[in-house]
Protein backbone atom coordinates (compact mmCIF):
# COMPACT_ATOMS: atom_id res chain seq x y z
CA UNK A 1 21.31 -116.13 -17.69
CA UNK A 2 19.70 -117.51 -13.93
CA UNK A 3 18.44 -120.92 -15.67
CA UNK A 4 21.48 -122.94 -16.21
CA UNK A 5 20.71 -126.36 -14.56
CA UNK A 6 17.47 -125.43 -14.35
CA UNK A 7 15.13 -129.03 -14.29
CA UNK A 8 18.54 -131.11 -13.34
CA UNK A 9 18.15 -134.04 -11.85
CA UNK A 10 20.58 -132.44 -9.68
CA UNK A 11 18.68 -129.37 -8.64
CA UNK A 12 17.68 -130.42 -5.22
CA UNK A 13 21.17 -131.50 -4.02
CA UNK A 14 22.39 -128.52 -5.50
CA UNK A 15 20.33 -126.06 -3.68
CA UNK A 16 21.36 -128.34 -0.05
CA UNK A 17 25.13 -127.91 -1.24
CA UNK A 18 24.82 -124.39 -1.83
CA UNK A 19 22.04 -123.73 1.75
CA UNK A 20 24.93 -125.70 3.64
CA UNK A 21 28.06 -123.79 1.98
CA UNK A 22 26.55 -120.42 1.84
CA UNK A 23 23.84 -120.00 5.16
CA UNK A 24 23.71 -116.71 4.67
CA UNK A 25 22.37 -116.91 1.41
CA UNK A 26 18.55 -117.53 2.54
CA UNK A 27 18.22 -113.74 2.37
CA UNK A 28 18.88 -113.53 -1.02
CA UNK A 29 16.66 -116.13 -2.81
CA UNK A 30 17.41 -114.84 -6.25
CA UNK A 31 21.30 -115.80 -5.80
CA UNK A 32 20.36 -118.52 -3.81
CA UNK A 33 18.47 -120.06 -6.77
CA UNK A 34 20.44 -119.05 -9.08
CA UNK A 35 24.04 -120.51 -7.66
CA UNK A 36 21.97 -123.65 -6.67
CA UNK A 37 21.45 -123.89 -10.42
CA UNK A 38 25.07 -123.67 -11.21
CA UNK A 39 25.84 -126.48 -8.28
CA UNK A 40 23.27 -128.56 -10.57
CA UNK A 41 24.80 -127.46 -14.09
CA UNK A 42 28.69 -128.83 -12.29
CA UNK A 43 26.81 -132.18 -10.88
CA UNK A 44 25.99 -132.57 -14.40
CA UNK A 45 29.34 -131.91 -15.62
CA UNK A 46 30.96 -134.12 -13.26
CA UNK A 47 28.49 -137.05 -14.48
CA UNK A 48 30.34 -136.64 -17.81
CA UNK A 49 33.71 -136.04 -16.59
CA UNK A 50 33.24 -139.37 -14.87
CA UNK A 51 31.55 -141.10 -17.65
CA UNK A 52 33.02 -144.26 -19.61
CA UNK A 53 32.43 -142.24 -22.96
CA UNK A 54 35.51 -141.24 -24.56
CA UNK A 55 35.14 -137.79 -24.96
CA UNK A 56 33.34 -137.36 -21.76
CA UNK A 57 36.47 -135.74 -19.81
CA UNK A 58 36.99 -133.07 -23.16
CA UNK A 59 33.72 -132.35 -22.80
CA UNK A 60 32.57 -131.93 -19.45
CA UNK A 61 35.51 -129.47 -19.03
CA UNK A 62 33.42 -127.73 -21.99
CA UNK A 63 30.69 -127.99 -19.82
CA UNK A 64 32.42 -126.17 -16.73
CA UNK A 65 33.49 -123.43 -18.73
CA UNK A 66 30.13 -122.61 -19.81
CA UNK A 67 29.00 -122.58 -16.61
CA UNK A 68 31.84 -120.94 -15.14
CA UNK A 69 31.20 -117.91 -17.75
CA UNK A 70 27.47 -117.98 -16.12
CA UNK A 71 29.02 -117.10 -12.61
CA UNK A 72 31.63 -114.66 -13.99
CA UNK A 73 28.71 -112.82 -15.52
CA UNK A 74 26.81 -112.76 -12.47
CA UNK A 75 29.67 -111.27 -10.08
CA UNK A 76 27.02 -110.73 -7.18
CA UNK A 77 26.50 -113.96 -7.13
CA UNK A 78 30.32 -115.27 -6.98
CA UNK A 79 30.88 -112.39 -4.50
CA UNK A 80 27.86 -113.57 -2.26
CA UNK A 81 29.62 -117.01 -1.81
CA UNK A 82 32.71 -116.97 -2.63
CA UNK A 83 33.66 -120.85 -1.91
CA UNK A 84 31.37 -121.83 -4.37
CA UNK A 85 33.19 -120.05 -7.22
CA UNK A 86 36.50 -121.28 -5.42
CA UNK A 87 35.84 -124.79 -5.58
CA UNK A 88 34.89 -124.54 -9.10
CA UNK A 89 37.70 -122.97 -10.12
CA UNK A 90 39.72 -125.69 -8.23
CA UNK A 91 37.43 -128.71 -10.22
CA UNK A 92 37.96 -126.92 -13.50
CA UNK A 93 41.83 -126.62 -12.82
CA UNK A 94 42.34 -130.42 -11.71
CA UNK A 95 40.52 -131.52 -14.62
CA UNK A 96 42.76 -128.75 -17.10
CA UNK A 97 45.68 -130.30 -15.73
CA UNK A 98 44.40 -133.74 -16.26
CA UNK A 99 43.87 -133.28 -19.63
CA UNK A 100 47.13 -131.94 -20.36
CA UNK A 101 46.74 -128.17 -19.77
CA UNK A 102 49.20 -127.46 -17.18
CA UNK A 103 48.85 -123.76 -18.09
CA UNK A 104 45.12 -123.73 -18.27
CA UNK A 105 45.11 -125.32 -14.98
CA UNK A 106 47.65 -122.75 -12.95
CA UNK A 107 45.73 -119.65 -14.42
CA UNK A 108 42.48 -120.97 -13.09
CA UNK A 109 43.81 -121.73 -9.55
CA UNK A 110 45.64 -118.28 -9.38
């Protein structure tokens, strides 16, 4: 499950973001790499979300939920850097609200 976002054009910047947000992860390279790949996947979803394609926002939300499912299946990583989990939940909540799913948004933000 740790291969999310591997080979992404966002891999380098994803790792840099995680290293900045979670500086203690240098001692946990497996978790660092997992979260970096996850961050890259969320960057891919953001790229989709801001695309001009008509269904891109819905597709981006689906990709975001798939990535979040991967994170929730690796709670060690989620607890190692709660900032990462929190910001991804917030992003999906914002997108859900923008797409007309206020109940989903509320559940995500709680």
